[in-house]
């Protein structure tokens, strides 16, 4: 059981918003759907290497209160860190919690991206 004090990280839940640019392409931006309190933990190297290959490399796992609007097309943001959601599951099938394995996206500072 997770104690209420473990949910000390406030993450933004975001969804992609694609807008047609008029030239046949789209521009993607991210819209914050809400803030969620969660427990987030980095995965050990052993957990990372033994993770399900279909999910890709996993870096973190979060637990949050159960909600029905979290999907694989969303992402979580914690400060400047961005996490893509690799799976969503109800760990005890009682609709109390959600567990999401995550992959932290690498962010390149603009000064280095040139």
PDB file of N, CA and C in Angstrom:
ATOM      1  N   UNK A   1       0.840  -1.183   0.000  1.00  0.00           N
ATOM      2  CA  UNK A   1       0.000   0.000   0.000  1.00  0.00           C
ATOM      3  C   UNK A   1       0.880   1.240   0.000  1.00  0.00           C
ATOM      4  N   UNK A   2       0.521   2.201  -0.761  1.00  0.00           N
ATOM      5  CA  UNK A   2       1.256   3.449  -0.848  1.00  0.00           C
ATOM      6  C   UNK A   2       0.657   4.460   0.123  1.00  0.00           C
ATOM      7  N   UNK A   3       1.517   5.078   0.926  1.00  0.00           N
ATOM      8  CA  UNK A   3       1.056   6.080   1.888  1.00  0.00           C
ATOM      9  C   UNK A   3       0.803   7.404   1.176  1.00  0.00           C
ATOM     10  N   UNK A   4      -0.086   8.204   1.725  1.00  0.00           N
ATOM     11  CA  UNK A   4      -0.434   9.482   1.112  1.00  0.00           C
ATOM     12  C   UNK A   4       0.793  10.375   0.961  1.00  0.00           C
ATOM     13  N   UNK A   5       1.753  10.280   1.877  1.00  0.00           N
ATOM     14  CA  UNK A   5       2.972  11.085   1.803  1.00  0.00           C
ATOM     15  C   UNK A   5       3.862  10.742   0.628  1.00  0.00           C
ATOM     16  N   UNK A   6       3.674   9.557   0.043  1.00  0.00           N
ATOM     17  CA  UNK A   6       4.470   9.171  -1.124  1.00  0.00           C
ATOM     18  C   UNK A   6       4.071   9.955  -2.370  1.00  0.00           C
ATOM     19  N   UNK A   7       2.873  10.501  -2.380  1.00  0.00           N
ATOM     20  CA  UNK A   7       2.379  11.253  -3.531  1.00  0.00           C
ATOM     21  C   UNK A   7       2.789  12.718  -3.385  1.00  0.00           C
ATOM     22  N   UNK A   8       4.089  12.962  -3.470  1.00  0.00           N
ATOM     23  CA  UNK A   8       4.610  14.299  -3.204  1.00  0.00           C
ATOM     24  C   UNK A   8       5.081  15.037  -4.452  1.00  0.00           C
ATOM     25  N   UNK A   9       5.025  14.400  -5.599  1.00  0.00           N
ATOM     26  CA  UNK A   9       5.434  15.043  -6.847  1.00  0.00           C
ATOM     27  C   UNK A   9       4.199  15.489  -7.624  1.00  0.00           C
ATOM     28  N   UNK A  10       4.185  16.740  -8.004  1.00  0.00           N
ATOM     29  CA  UNK A  10       3.049  17.278  -8.762  1.00  0.00           C
ATOM     30  C   UNK A  10       3.451  17.353 -10.230  1.00  0.00           C
ATOM     31  N   UNK A  11       2.848  16.505 -11.031  1.00  0.00           N
ATOM     32  CA  UNK A  11       3.159  16.424 -12.451  1.00  0.00           C
ATOM     33  C   UNK A  11       2.023  17.008 -13.275  1.00  0.00           C
ATOM     34  N   UNK A  12       2.386  17.576 -14.411  1.00  0.00           N
ATOM     35  CA  UNK A  12       1.377  18.040 -15.366  1.00  0.00           C
ATOM     36  C   UNK A  12       1.073  16.888 -16.314  1.00  0.00           C
ATOM     37  N   UNK A  13      -0.201  16.601 -16.508  1.00  0.00           N
ATOM     38  CA  UNK A  13      -0.638  15.629 -17.503  1.00  0.00           C
ATOM     39  C   UNK A  13      -0.949  16.415 -18.765  1.00  0.00           C
ATOM     40  N   UNK A  14      -0.278  16.066 -19.869  1.00  0.00           N
ATOM     41  CA  UNK A  14      -0.442  16.817 -21.111  1.00  0.00           C
ATOM     42  C   UNK A  14      -0.900  15.926 -22.254  1.00  0.00           C
ATOM     43  N   UNK A  15      -1.638  16.546 -23.184  1.00  0.00           N
ATOM     44  CA  UNK A  15      -2.103  15.877 -24.401  1.00  0.00           C
ATOM     45  C   UNK A  15      -1.609  16.666 -25.605  1.00  0.00           C
ATOM     46  N   UNK A  16      -1.314  15.947 -26.684  1.00  0.00           N
ATOM     47  CA  UNK A  16      -0.860  16.601 -27.916  1.00  0.00           C
ATOM     48  C   UNK A  16      -2.031  17.299 -28.589  1.00  0.00           C
ATOM     49  N   UNK A  17      -1.743  18.463 -29.140  1.00  0.00           N
ATOM     50  CA  UNK A  17      -2.734  19.227 -29.896  1.00  0.00           C
ATOM     51  C   UNK A  17      -2.109  19.529 -31.252  1.00  0.00           C
ATOM     52  N   UNK A  18      -2.673  18.955 -32.303  1.00  0.00           N
ATOM     53  CA  UNK A  18      -2.126  19.150 -33.643  1.00  0.00           C
ATOM     54  C   UNK A  18      -3.009  20.111 -34.421  1.00  0.00           C
ATOM     55  N   UNK A  19      -2.374  21.125 -34.999  1.00  0.00           N
ATOM     56  CA  UNK A  19      -3.080  22.146 -35.765  1.00  0.00           C
ATOM     57  C   UNK A  19      -2.529  22.142 -37.181  1.00  0.00           C
ATOM     58  N   UNK A  20      -3.417  22.092 -38.164  1.00  0.00           N
ATOM     59  CA  UNK A  20      -2.982  22.135 -39.562  1.00  0.00           C
ATOM     60  C   UNK A  20      -2.341  23.482 -39.840  1.00  0.00           C
ATOM     61  N   UNK A  21      -1.205  23.444 -40.571  1.00  0.00           N
ATOM     62  CA  UNK A  21      -0.485  24.687 -40.845  1.00  0.00           C
ATOM     63  C   UNK A  21      -0.876  25.337 -42.172  1.00  0.00           C
ATOM     64  N   UNK A  22      -1.805  24.744 -42.902  1.00  0.00           N
ATOM     65  CA  UNK A  22      -2.261  25.316 -44.159  1.00  0.00           C
ATOM     66  C   UNK A  22      -1.416  24.929 -45.354  1.00  0.00           C
ATOM     67  N   UNK A  23      -0.298  24.273 -45.121  1.00  0.00           N
ATOM     68  CA  UNK A  23       0.583  23.853 -46.208  1.00  0.00           C
ATOM     69  C   UNK A  23       0.652  22.331 -46.291  1.00  0.00           C
ATOM     70  N   UNK A  24      -0.320  21.659 -45.706  1.00  0.00           N
ATOM     71  CA  UNK A  24      -0.353  20.204 -45.751  1.00  0.00           C
ATOM     72  C   UNK A  24       0.295  19.528 -44.564  1.00  0.00           C
ATOM     73  N   UNK A  25       0.885  20.285 -43.681  1.00  0.00           N
ATOM     74  CA  UNK A  25       1.527  19.718 -42.498  1.00  0.00           C
ATOM     75  C   UNK A  25       0.754  20.077 -41.243  1.00  0.00           C
ATOM     76  N   UNK A  26       1.299  19.671 -40.134  1.00  0.00           N
ATOM     77  CA  UNK A  26       0.685  19.995 -38.849  1.00  0.00           C
ATOM     78  C   UNK A  26       1.746  20.518 -37.888  1.00  0.00           C
ATOM     79  N   UNK A  27       1.299  21.328 -36.970  1.00  0.00           N
ATOM     80  CA  UNK A  27       2.148  21.812 -35.892  1.00  0.00           C
ATOM     81  C   UNK A  27       1.633  21.186 -34.610  1.00  0.00           C
ATOM     82  N   UNK A  28       2.531  20.545 -33.873  1.00  0.00           N
ATOM     83  CA  UNK A  28       2.139  19.887 -32.625  1.00  0.00           C
ATOM     84  C   UNK A  28       2.565  20.744 -31.443  1.00  0.00           C
ATOM     85  N   UNK A  29       1.632  20.936 -30.555  1.00  0.00           N
ATOM     86  CA  UNK A  29       1.931  21.569 -29.277  1.00  0.00           C
ATOM     87  C   UNK A  29       1.294  20.704 -28.194  1.00  0.00           C
ATOM     88  N   UNK A  30       1.606  21.001 -26.962  1.00  0.00           N
ATOM     89  CA  UNK A  30       1.091  20.204 -25.852  1.00  0.00           C
ATOM     90  C   UNK A  30       0.227  21.072 -24.954  1.00  0.00           C
ATOM     91  N   UNK A  31      -0.910  20.532 -24.558  1.00  0.00           N
ATOM     92  CA  UNK A  31      -1.882  21.232 -23.722  1.00  0.00           C
ATOM     93  C   UNK A  31      -1.959  20.511 -22.378  1.00  0.00           C
ATOM     94  N   UNK A  32      -1.860  21.266 -21.300  1.00  0.00           N
ATOM     95  CA  UNK A  32      -1.958  20.676 -19.967  1.00  0.00           C
ATOM     96  C   UNK A  32      -3.415  20.402 -19.625  1.00  0.00           C
ATOM     97  N   UNK A  33      -3.699  19.134 -19.329  1.00  0.00           N
ATOM     98  CA  UNK A  33      -5.053  18.716 -18.964  1.00  0.00           C
ATOM     99  C   UNK A  33      -5.324  18.908 -17.481  1.00  0.00           C
ATOM    100  N   UNK A  34      -4.262  18.878 -16.691  1.00  0.00           N
ATOM    101  CA  UNK A  34      -4.418  19.032 -15.251  1.00  0.00           C
ATOM    102  C   UNK A  34      -3.135  18.665 -14.533  1.00  0.00           C
ATOM    103  N   UNK A  35      -3.134  18.870 -13.236  1.00  0.00           N
ATOM    104  CA  UNK A  35      -2.007  18.532 -12.378  1.00  0.00           C
ATOM    105  C   UNK A  35      -2.382  17.301 -11.564  1.00  0.00           C
ATOM    106  N   UNK A  36      -1.435  16.385 -11.405  1.00  0.00           N
ATOM    107  CA  UNK A  36      -1.689  15.176 -10.624  1.00  0.00           C
ATOM    108  C   UNK A  36      -0.577  14.991  -9.594  1.00  0.00           C
ATOM    109  N   UNK A  37      -0.968  14.605  -8.395  1.00  0.00           N
ATOM    110  CA  UNK A  37       0.003  14.257  -7.364  1.00  0.00           C
ATOM    111  C   UNK A  37       0.368  12.796  -7.556  1.00  0.00           C
ATOM    112  N   UNK A  38       1.659  12.503  -7.519  1.00  0.00           N
ATOM    113  CA  UNK A  38       2.082  11.136  -7.791  1.00  0.00           C
ATOM    114  C   UNK A  38       3.330  10.780  -7.000  1.00  0.00           C
ATOM    115  N   UNK A  39       3.594   9.488  -6.975  1.00  0.00           N
ATOM    116  CA  UNK A  39       4.855   8.955  -6.465  1.00  0.00           C
ATOM    117  C   UNK A  39       5.654   8.556  -7.697  1.00  0.00           C
ATOM    118  N   UNK A  40       6.856   9.068  -7.826  1.00  0.00           N
ATOM    119  CA  UNK A  40       7.683   8.756  -8.988  1.00  0.00           C
ATOM    120  C   UNK A  40       8.998   8.178  -8.490  1.00  0.00           C
ATOM    121  N   UNK A  41       9.462   7.133  -9.158  1.00  0.00           N
ATOM    122  CA  UNK A  41      10.724   6.521  -8.759  1.00  0.00           C
ATOM    123  C   UNK A  41      11.517   6.143  -9.999  1.00  0.00           C
ATOM    124  N   UNK A  42      12.831   6.377  -9.957  1.00  0.00           N
ATOM    125  CA  UNK A  42      13.673   5.921 -11.062  1.00  0.00           C
ATOM    126  C   UNK A  42      13.810   4.406 -10.988  1.00  0.00           C
ATOM    127  N   UNK A  43      13.915   3.781 -12.130  1.00  0.00           N
ATOM    128  CA  UNK A  43      14.106   2.331 -12.163  1.00  0.00           C
ATOM    129  C   UNK A  43      15.586   2.011 -12.051  1.00  0.00           C
ATOM    130  N   UNK A  44      15.889   0.917 -11.396  1.00  0.00           N
ATOM    131  CA  UNK A  44      17.272   0.476 -11.294  1.00  0.00           C
ATOM    132  C   UNK A  44      17.745  -0.005 -12.662  1.00  0.00           C
ATOM    133  N   UNK A  45      19.033  -0.127 -12.826  1.00  0.00           N
ATOM    134  CA  UNK A  45      19.575  -0.608 -14.096  1.00  0.00           C
ATOM    135  C   UNK A  45      19.039  -1.994 -14.412  1.00  0.00           C
ATOM    136  N   UNK A  46      18.929  -2.848 -13.397  1.00  0.00           N
ATOM    137  CA  UNK A  46      18.381  -4.188 -13.617  1.00  0.00           C
ATOM    138  C   UNK A  46      16.949  -4.147 -14.109  1.00  0.00           C
ATOM    139  N   UNK A  47      16.136  -3.268 -13.498  1.00  0.00           N
ATOM    140  CA  UNK A  47      14.747  -3.116 -13.947  1.00  0.00           C
ATOM    141  C   UNK A  47      14.687  -2.585 -15.370  1.00  0.00           C
ATOM    142  N   UNK A  48      15.578  -1.662 -15.690  1.00  0.00           N
ATOM    143  CA  UNK A  48      15.590  -1.094 -17.045  1.00  0.00           C
ATOM    144  C   UNK A  48      15.922  -2.157 -18.078  1.00  0.00           C
ATOM    145  N   UNK A  49      16.922  -2.977 -17.768  1.00  0.00           N
ATOM    146  CA  UNK A  49      17.365  -3.983 -18.734  1.00  0.00           C
ATOM    147  C   UNK A  49      16.377  -5.124 -18.870  1.00  0.00           C
ATOM    148  N   UNK A  50      15.640  -5.427 -17.795  1.00  0.00           N
ATOM    149  CA  UNK A  50      14.705  -6.548 -17.852  1.00  0.00           C
ATOM    150  C   UNK A  50      13.290  -6.126 -18.229  1.00  0.00           C
ATOM    151  N   UNK A  51      13.095  -4.849 -18.535  1.00  0.00           N
ATOM    152  CA  UNK A  51      11.747  -4.380 -18.875  1.00  0.00           C
ATOM    153  C   UNK A  51      11.279  -5.020 -20.177  1.00  0.00           C
ATOM    154  N   UNK A  52       9.988  -5.071 -20.322  1.00  0.00           N
ATOM    155  CA  UNK A  52       9.342  -5.642 -21.505  1.00  0.00           C
ATOM    156  C   UNK A  52       9.855  -4.936 -22.756  1.00  0.00           C
ATOM    157  N   UNK A  53      10.408  -5.687 -23.680  1.00  0.00           N
ATOM    158  CA  UNK A  53      11.013  -5.099 -24.884  1.00  0.00           C
ATOM    159  C   UNK A  53       9.993  -4.356 -25.737  1.00  0.00           C
ATOM    160  N   UNK A  54       8.721  -4.731 -25.638  1.00  0.00           N
ATOM    161  CA  UNK A  54       7.689  -4.027 -26.408  1.00  0.00           C
ATOM    162  C   UNK A  54       7.492  -2.604 -25.910  1.00  0.00           C
ATOM    163  N   UNK A  55       7.845  -2.353 -24.653  1.00  0.00           N
ATOM    164  CA  UNK A  55       7.675  -1.019 -24.083  1.00  0.00           C
ATOM    165  C   UNK A  55       8.877  -0.124 -24.336  1.00  0.00           C
ATOM    166  N   UNK A  56       9.977  -0.702 -24.797  1.00  0.00           N
ATOM    167  CA  UNK A  56      11.187   0.079 -24.992  1.00  0.00           C
ATOM    168  C   UNK A  56      11.895   0.307 -23.663  1.00  0.00           C
ATOM    169  N   UNK A  57      12.915   1.124 -23.699  1.00  0.00           N
ATOM    170  CA  UNK A  57      13.686   1.420 -22.498  1.00  0.00           C
ATOM    171  C   UNK A  57      12.838   2.236 -21.528  1.00  0.00           C
ATOM    172  N   UNK A  58      12.708   1.735 -20.326  1.00  0.00           N
ATOM    173  CA  UNK A  58      11.951   2.438 -19.292  1.00  0.00           C
ATOM    174  C   UNK A  58      12.925   3.077 -18.315  1.00  0.00           C
ATOM    175  N   UNK A  59      12.617   4.277 -17.847  1.00  0.00           N
ATOM    176  CA  UNK A  59      13.508   4.963 -16.915  1.00  0.00           C
ATOM    177  C   UNK A  59      12.879   5.210 -15.549  1.00  0.00           C
ATOM    178  N   UNK A  60      11.546   5.320 -15.492  1.00  0.00           N
ATOM    179  CA  UNK A  60      10.855   5.647 -14.248  1.00  0.00           C
ATOM    180  C   UNK A  60       9.524   4.913 -14.180  1.00  0.00           C
ATOM    181  N   UNK A  61       8.963   4.919 -12.981  1.00  0.00           N
ATOM    182  CA  UNK A  61       7.620   4.380 -12.775  1.00  0.00           C
ATOM    183  C   UNK A  61       6.889   5.366 -11.866  1.00  0.00           C
ATOM    184  N   UNK A  62       5.617   5.631 -12.171  1.00  0.00           N
ATOM    185  CA  UNK A  62       4.838   6.489 -11.288  1.00  0.00           C
ATOM    186  C   UNK A  62       3.576   5.773 -10.842  1.00  0.00           C
ATOM    187  N   UNK A  63       3.122   6.164  -9.680  1.00  0.00           N
ATOM    188  CA  UNK A  63       1.816   5.767  -9.155  1.00  0.00           C
ATOM    189  C   UNK A  63       1.020   7.040  -8.938  1.00  0.00           C
ATOM    190  N   UNK A  64      -0.242   7.026  -9.317  1.00  0.00           N
ATOM    191  CA  UNK A  64      -1.125   8.150  -9.087  1.00  0.00           C
ATOM    192  C   UNK A  64      -2.507   7.630  -8.767  1.00  0.00           C
ATOM    193  N   UNK A  65      -3.339   8.489  -8.240  1.00  0.00           N
ATOM    194  CA  UNK A  65      -4.719   8.102  -7.962  1.00  0.00           C
ATOM    195  C   UNK A  65      -5.403   7.729  -9.268  1.00  0.00           C
ATOM    196  N   UNK A  66      -6.292   6.760  -9.202  1.00  0.00           N
ATOM    197  CA  UNK A  66      -6.961   6.252 -10.406  1.00  0.00           C
ATOM    198  C   UNK A  66      -7.730   7.362 -11.111  1.00  0.00           C
ATOM    199  N   UNK A  67      -7.595   7.405 -12.416  1.00  0.00           N
ATOM    200  CA  UNK A  67      -8.375   8.289 -13.271  1.00  0.00           C
ATOM    201  C   UNK A  67      -8.530   7.600 -14.611  1.00  0.00           C
ATOM    202  N   UNK A  68      -9.545   7.983 -15.345  1.00  0.00           N
ATOM    203  CA  UNK A  68      -9.862   7.264 -16.581  1.00  0.00           C
ATOM    204  C   UNK A  68      -9.352   7.959 -17.836  1.00  0.00           C
ATOM    205  N   UNK A  69      -8.718   9.114 -17.695  1.00  0.00           N
ATOM    206  CA  UNK A  69      -8.330   9.873 -18.883  1.00  0.00           C
ATOM    207  C   UNK A  69      -6.850   9.797 -19.227  1.00  0.00           C
ATOM    208  N   UNK A  70      -6.082   8.928 -18.602  1.00  0.00           N
ATOM    209  CA  UNK A  70      -4.655   8.794 -18.906  1.00  0.00           C
ATOM    210  C   UNK A  70      -4.485   7.741 -19.994  1.00  0.00           C
ATOM    211  N   UNK A  71      -3.842   8.131 -21.106  1.00  0.00           N
ATOM    212  CA  UNK A  71      -3.622   7.209 -22.222  1.00  0.00           C
ATOM    213  C   UNK A  71      -2.164   7.268 -22.670  1.00  0.00           C
ATOM    214  N   UNK A  72      -1.812   6.375 -23.569  1.00  0.00           N
ATOM    215  CA  UNK A  72      -0.447   6.337 -24.096  1.00  0.00           C
ATOM    216  C   UNK A  72      -0.117   7.558 -24.946  1.00  0.00           C
ATOM    217  N   UNK A  73      -1.121   8.275 -25.405  1.00  0.00           N
ATOM    218  CA  UNK A  73      -0.861   9.465 -26.220  1.00  0.00           C
ATOM    219  C   UNK A  73      -0.565  10.702 -25.364  1.00  0.00           C
ATOM    220  N   UNK A  74      -0.670  10.573 -24.052  1.00  0.00           N
ATOM    221  CA  UNK A  74      -0.371  11.677 -23.147  1.00  0.00           C
ATOM    222  C   UNK A  74       1.079  11.607 -22.686  1.00  0.00           C
ATOM    223  N   UNK A  75       1.477  12.610 -21.941  1.00  0.00           N
ATOM    224  CA  UNK A  75       2.796  12.622 -21.312  1.00  0.00           C
ATOM    225  C   UNK A  75       2.693  13.327 -19.975  1.00  0.00           C
ATOM    226  N   UNK A  76       3.703  13.108 -19.132  1.00  0.00           N
ATOM    227  CA  UNK A  76       3.800  13.800 -17.853  1.00  0.00           C
ATOM    228  C   UNK A  76       4.995  14.745 -17.906  1.00  0.00           C
ATOM    229  N   UNK A  77       4.870  15.889 -17.247  1.00  0.00           N
ATOM    230  CA  UNK A  77       5.954  16.863 -17.179  1.00  0.00           C
ATOM    231  C   UNK A  77       6.186  17.208 -15.713  1.00  0.00           C
ATOM    232  N   UNK A  78       7.446  17.161 -15.308  1.00  0.00           N
ATOM    233  CA  UNK A  78       7.855  17.531 -13.955  1.00  0.00           C
ATOM    234  C   UNK A  78       8.973  18.557 -14.099  1.00  0.00           C
ATOM    235  N   UNK A  79       8.645  19.818 -13.909  1.00  0.00           N
ATOM    236  CA  UNK A  79       9.633  20.879 -14.127  1.00  0.00           C
ATOM    237  C   UNK A  79      10.049  20.889 -15.588  1.00  0.00           C
ATOM    238  N   UNK A  80      11.344  20.724 -15.847  1.00  0.00           N
ATOM    239  CA  UNK A  80      11.839  20.694 -17.226  1.00  0.00           C
ATOM    240  C   UNK A  80      11.939  19.267 -17.773  1.00  0.00           C
ATOM    241  N   UNK A  81      11.538  18.287 -16.983  1.00  0.00           N
ATOM    242  CA  UNK A  81      11.646  16.884 -17.394  1.00  0.00           C
ATOM    243  C   UNK A  81      10.338  16.416 -18.024  1.00  0.00           C
ATOM    244  N   UNK A  82      10.468  15.704 -19.145  1.00  0.00           N
ATOM    245  CA  UNK A  82       9.311  15.209 -19.890  1.00  0.00           C
ATOM    246  C   UNK A  82       9.366  13.685 -19.899  1.00  0.00           C
ATOM    247  N   UNK A  83       8.219  13.051 -19.601  1.00  0.00           N
ATOM    248  CA  UNK A  83       8.134  11.596 -19.530  1.00  0.00           C
ATOM    249  C   UNK A  83       7.037  11.100 -20.464  1.00  0.00           C
ATOM    250  N   UNK A  84       7.400  10.223 -21.387  1.00  0.00           N
ATOM    251  CA  UNK A  84       6.379   9.601 -22.235  1.00  0.00           C
ATOM    252  C   UNK A  84       5.821   8.382 -21.508  1.00  0.00           C
ATOM    253  N   UNK A  85       4.532   8.181 -21.643  1.00  0.00           N
ATOM    254  CA  UNK A  85       3.840   7.076 -20.977  1.00  0.00           C
ATOM    255  C   UNK A  85       3.942   5.843 -21.862  1.00  0.00           C
ATOM    256  N   UNK A  86       4.473   4.756 -21.328  1.00  0.00           N
ATOM    257  CA  UNK A  86       4.676   3.534 -22.109  1.00  0.00           C
ATOM    258  C   UNK A  86       3.578   2.506 -21.868  1.00  0.00           C
ATOM    259  N   UNK A  87       2.876   2.616 -20.742  1.00  0.00           N
ATOM    260  CA  UNK A  87       1.762   1.711 -20.426  1.00  0.00           C
ATOM    261  C   UNK A  87       0.955   2.339 -19.294  1.00  0.00           C
ATOM    262  N   UNK A  88      -0.291   1.937 -19.183  1.00  0.00           N
ATOM    263  CA  UNK A  88      -1.168   2.387 -18.097  1.00  0.00           C
ATOM    264  C   UNK A  88      -1.852   1.144 -17.548  1.00  0.00           C
ATOM    265  N   UNK A  89      -1.718   0.921 -16.235  1.00  0.00           N
ATOM    266  CA  UNK A  89      -2.363  -0.262 -15.671  1.00  0.00           C
ATOM    267  C   UNK A  89      -2.872   0.019 -14.267  1.00  0.00           C
ATOM    268  N   UNK A  90      -3.874  -0.728 -13.894  1.00  0.00           N
ATOM    269  CA  UNK A  90      -4.456  -0.683 -12.555  1.00  0.00           C
ATOM    270  C   UNK A  90      -3.801  -1.835 -11.788  1.00  0.00           C
ATOM    271  N   UNK A  91      -2.814  -1.551 -10.911  1.00  0.00           N
ATOM    272  CA  UNK A  91      -2.003  -2.626 -10.336  1.00  0.00           C
ATOM    273  C   UNK A  91      -2.769  -3.655  -9.509  1.00  0.00           C
ATOM    274  N   UNK A  92      -3.839  -3.254  -8.828  1.00  0.00           N
ATOM    275  CA  UNK A  92      -4.590  -4.226  -8.034  1.00  0.00           C
ATOM    276  C   UNK A  92      -6.023  -4.417  -8.538  1.00  0.00           C
ATOM    277  N   UNK A  93      -6.337  -3.832  -9.688  1.00  0.00           N
ATOM    278  CA  UNK A  93      -7.652  -3.960 -10.333  1.00  0.00           C
ATOM    279  C   UNK A  93      -8.796  -3.555  -9.403  1.00  0.00           C
ATOM    280  N   UNK A  94      -8.543  -2.530  -8.570  1.00  0.00           N
ATOM    281  CA  UNK A  94      -9.582  -2.037  -7.662  1.00  0.00           C
ATOM    282  C   UNK A  94      -9.932  -0.577  -7.945  1.00  0.00           C
ATOM    283  N   UNK A  95      -9.409  -0.038  -9.025  1.00  0.00           N
ATOM    284  CA  UNK A  95      -9.657   1.347  -9.434  1.00  0.00           C
ATOM    285  C   UNK A  95      -9.310   2.354  -8.343  1.00  0.00           C
ATOM    286  N   UNK A  96      -8.194   2.085  -7.661  1.00  0.00           N
ATOM    287  CA  UNK A  96      -7.696   3.018  -6.648  1.00  0.00           C
ATOM    288  C   UNK A  96      -6.468   3.754  -7.153  1.00  0.00           C
ATOM    289  N   UNK A  97      -5.599   3.025  -7.859  1.00  0.00           N
ATOM    290  CA  UNK A  97      -4.331   3.581  -8.323  1.00  0.00           C
ATOM    291  C   UNK A  97      -4.121   3.264  -9.796  1.00  0.00           C
ATOM    292  N   UNK A  98      -3.253   4.048 -10.416  1.00  0.00           N
ATOM    293  CA  UNK A  98      -2.731   3.732 -11.743  1.00  0.00           C
ATOM    294  C   UNK A  98      -1.223   3.662 -11.633  1.00  0.00           C
ATOM    295  N   UNK A  99      -0.640   2.724 -12.350  1.00  0.00           N
ATOM    296  CA  UNK A  99       0.806   2.619 -12.442  1.00  0.00           C
ATOM    297  C   UNK A  99       1.180   2.841 -13.897  1.00  0.00           C
ATOM    298  N   UNK A 100       2.148   3.717 -14.117  1.00  0.00           N
ATOM    299  CA  UNK A 100       2.591   4.013 -15.479  1.00  0.00           C
ATOM    300  C   UNK A 100       4.106   3.891 -15.557  1.00  0.00           C
ATOM    301  N   UNK A 101       4.614   2.918 -16.314  1.00  0.00           N
ATOM    302  CA  UNK A 101       6.035   2.929 -16.618  1.00  0.00           C
ATOM    303  C   UNK A 101       6.295   4.053 -17.619  1.00  0.00           C
ATOM    304  N   UNK A 102       7.410   4.748 -17.425  1.00  0.00           N
ATOM    305  CA  UNK A 102       7.706   5.934 -18.225  1.00  0.00           C
ATOM    306  C   UNK A 102       9.086   5.859 -18.853  1.00  0.00           C
ATOM    307  N   UNK A 103       9.255   6.656 -19.873  1.00  0.00           N
ATOM    308  CA  UNK A 103      10.581   6.869 -20.450  1.00  0.00           C
ATOM    309  C   UNK A 103      10.841   8.365 -20.454  1.00  0.00           C
ATOM    310  N   UNK A 104      11.913   8.761 -19.774  1.00  0.00           N
ATOM    311  CA  UNK A 104      12.250  10.182 -19.766  1.00  0.00           C
ATOM    312  C   UNK A 104      12.839  10.545 -21.112  1.00  0.00           C
ATOM    313  N   UNK A 105      12.314  11.603 -21.699  1.00  0.00           N
ATOM    314  CA  UNK A 105      12.811  12.065 -22.985  1.00  0.00           C
ATOM    315  C   UNK A 105      14.052  12.911 -22.755  1.00  0.00           C
ATOM    316  N   UNK A 106      14.994  12.777 -23.658  1.00  0.00           N
ATOM    317  CA  UNK A 106      16.203  13.580 -23.566  1.00  0.00           C
ATOM    318  C   UNK A 106      15.913  14.953 -24.131  1.00  0.00           C
ATOM    319  N   UNK A 107      16.292  15.958 -23.392  1.00  0.00           N
ATOM    320  CA  UNK A 107      16.085  17.338 -23.831  1.00  0.00           C
ATOM    321  C   UNK A 107      17.446  17.956 -24.104  1.00  0.00           C
ATOM    322  N   UNK A 108      17.621  18.456 -25.302  1.00  0.00           N
ATOM    323  CA  UNK A 108      18.875  19.096 -25.679  1.00  0.00           C
ATOM    324  C   UNK A 108      18.699  20.602 -25.522  1.00  0.00           C
ATOM    325  N   UNK A 109      19.552  21.251 -24.726  1.00  0.00           N
ATOM    326  CA  UNK A 109      19.450  22.704 -24.609  1.00  0.00           C
ATOM    327  C   UNK A 109      19.589  23.358 -25.978  1.00  0.00           C
ATOM    328  N   UNK A 110      18.862  24.443 -26.190  1.00  0.00           N
ATOM    329  CA  UNK A 110      18.888  25.111 -27.492  1.00  0.00           C
ATOM    330  C   UNK A 110      20.290  25.522 -27.895  1.00  0.00           C
ATOM    331  N   UNK A 111      21.118  25.885 -26.939  1.00  0.00           N
ATOM    332  CA  UNK A 111      22.483  26.306 -27.262  1.00  0.00           C
ATOM    333  C   UNK A 111      23.303  25.161 -27.844  1.00  0.00           C
ATOM    334  N   UNK A 112      22.940  23.899 -27.519  1.00  0.00           N
ATOM    335  CA  UNK A 112      23.679  22.745 -28.034  1.00  0.00           C
ATOM    336  C   UNK A 112      23.048  22.179 -29.301  1.00  0.00           C
ATOM    337  N   UNK A 113      21.835  22.576 -29.627  1.00  0.00           N
ATOM    338  CA  UNK A 113      21.113  21.998 -30.759  1.00  0.00           C
ATOM    339  C   UNK A 113      21.503  22.618 -32.094  1.00  0.00           C
ATOM    340  N   UNK A 114      22.342  23.588 -32.105  1.00  0.00           N
ATOM    341  CA  UNK A 114      22.723  24.267 -33.356  1.00  0.00           C
ATOM    342  C   UNK A 114      23.711  23.498 -34.163  1.00  0.00           C
TER     343      UNK A 114
END
